[in-house]
C-alpha atoms as a PDB file:
ATOM      1  CA  MET A   1       0.000   0.000   0.000  1.00  0.00           C
ATOM      2  CA  ASN A   2       1.303   3.434  -0.940  1.00  0.00           C
ATOM      3  CA  PHE A   3       1.017   6.474   1.274  1.00  0.00           C
ATOM      4  CA  PHE A   4       1.588  10.084   0.304  1.00  0.00           C
ATOM      5  CA  THR A   5       2.765  13.081   2.307  1.00  0.00           C
ATOM      6  CA  CYS A   6       1.432  16.517   1.377  1.00  0.00           C
ATOM      7  CA  PHE A   7       3.434  19.666   2.026  1.00  0.00           C
ATOM      8  CA  ASP A   8       2.588  23.353   1.940  1.00  0.00           C
ATOM      9  CA  SER A   9       4.707  25.975   0.155  1.00  0.00           C
ATOM     10  CA  GLN A  10       6.971  26.332   3.205  1.00  0.00           C
ATOM     11  CA  GLY A  11       7.731  22.598   3.373  1.00  0.00           C
ATOM     12  CA  ASN A  12       5.517  21.833   6.360  1.00  0.00           C
ATOM     13  CA  VAL A  13       3.654  18.524   6.432  1.00  0.00           C
ATOM     14  CA  ILE A  14      -0.062  19.238   6.247  1.00  0.00           C
ATOM     15  CA  ALA A  15      -1.522  15.789   5.477  1.00  0.00           C
ATOM     16  CA  ARG A  16      -0.813  12.130   4.892  1.00  0.00           C
ATOM     17  CA  CYS A  17      -3.060  10.305   2.450  1.00  0.00           C
ATOM     18  CA  GLN A  18      -3.491   6.777   1.135  1.00  0.00           C
ATOM     19  CA  THR A  19      -4.820   7.618  -2.330  1.00  0.00           C
ATOM     20  CA  PRO A  20      -4.514  10.400  -4.898  1.00  0.00           C
ATOM     21  CA  GLN A  21      -8.294  10.803  -4.568  1.00  0.00           C
ATOM     22  CA  GLU A  22      -7.895  11.785  -0.900  1.00  0.00           C
ATOM     23  CA  ILE A  23      -5.337  14.397  -1.952  1.00  0.00           C
ATOM     24  CA  GLU A  24      -7.821  15.872  -4.443  1.00  0.00           C
ATOM     25  CA  VAL A  25     -10.530  16.009  -1.769  1.00  0.00           C
ATOM     26  CA  LEU A  26      -8.194  17.984   0.480  1.00  0.00           C
ATOM     27  CA  ARG A  27      -7.352  20.358  -2.373  1.00  0.00           C
ATOM     28  CA  LYS A  28     -11.063  20.916  -3.020  1.00  0.00           C
ATOM     29  CA  MET A  29     -11.481  21.646   0.697  1.00  0.00           C
ATOM     30  CA  GLY A  30      -8.944  24.457   0.272  1.00  0.00           C
ATOM     31  CA  ARG A  31      -5.872  22.882   1.863  1.00  0.00           C
ATOM     32  CA  PRO A  32      -2.758  24.641   0.469  1.00  0.00           C
ATOM     33  CA  ILE A  33      -1.067  21.523  -0.942  1.00  0.00           C
ATOM     34  CA  ASP A  34       2.035  22.626  -2.827  1.00  0.00           C
ATOM     35  CA  GLU A  35       3.903  19.314  -3.117  1.00  0.00           C
ATOM     36  CA  VAL A  36       3.018  15.632  -2.794  1.00  0.00           C
ATOM     37  CA  ARG A  37       5.644  12.959  -2.202  1.00  0.00           C
ATOM     38  CA  GLU A  38       5.143   9.226  -2.123  1.00  0.00           C
ATOM     39  CA  MET A  39       6.402   7.829   1.164  1.00  0.00           C
ATOM     40  CA  ARG A  40       9.232   5.308   1.104  1.00  0.00           C
ATOM     41  CA  LYS A  41       8.242   1.730   1.775  1.00  0.00           C
ATOM     42  CA  GLU A  42       9.700   1.873   5.303  1.00  0.00           C
ATOM     43  CA  GLU A  43       7.679   4.990   6.116  1.00  0.00           C
ATOM     44  CA  SER A  44       4.503   3.441   4.704  1.00  0.00           C
ATOM     45  CA  VAL A  45       4.891   0.354   6.888  1.00  0.00           C
ATOM     46  CA  VAL A  46       5.262   2.486  10.020  1.00  0.00           C
ATOM     47  CA  CYS A  47       2.279   4.599   9.001  1.00  0.00           C
ATOM     48  CA  SER A  48       0.095   1.528   8.444  1.00  0.00           C
ATOM     49  CA  LEU A  49       1.149   0.014  11.788  1.00  0.00           C
ATOM     50  CA  THR A  50       0.585   3.145  13.870  1.00  0.00           C
ATOM     51  CA  GLY A  51      -2.784   4.198  12.468  1.00  0.00           C
ATOM     52  CA  SER A  52      -4.609   5.481   9.472  1.00  0.00           C
ATOM     53  CA  PRO A  53      -3.233   8.479   7.582  1.00  0.00           C
ATOM     54  CA  SER A  54      -6.647  10.084   8.063  1.00  0.00           C
ATOM     55  CA  ASP A  55      -5.850  10.187  11.792  1.00  0.00           C
ATOM     56  CA  PHE A  56      -3.259  12.828  10.875  1.00  0.00           C
ATOM     57  CA  ASN A  57      -5.636  14.861   8.697  1.00  0.00           C
ATOM     58  CA  MET A  58      -7.532  16.997  11.167  1.00  0.00           C
ATOM     59  CA  ASP A  59      -9.963  18.358   8.542  1.00  0.00           C
ATOM     60  CA  TYR A  60     -10.742  15.077   6.793  1.00  0.00           C
END
């Protein structure tokens, strides 16, 4: 499973998502997503073990 990290224009993490569709929903909600990076496999495993990426997204 792939996870994505979304950053604002200043490089701050603003969301973690599981699908590109979730990223588009956040953009439509007005989140200032400037860059999206696919997480490395090691990061994705930790993310899936510690909880859902939506736990990180306070607005979603």
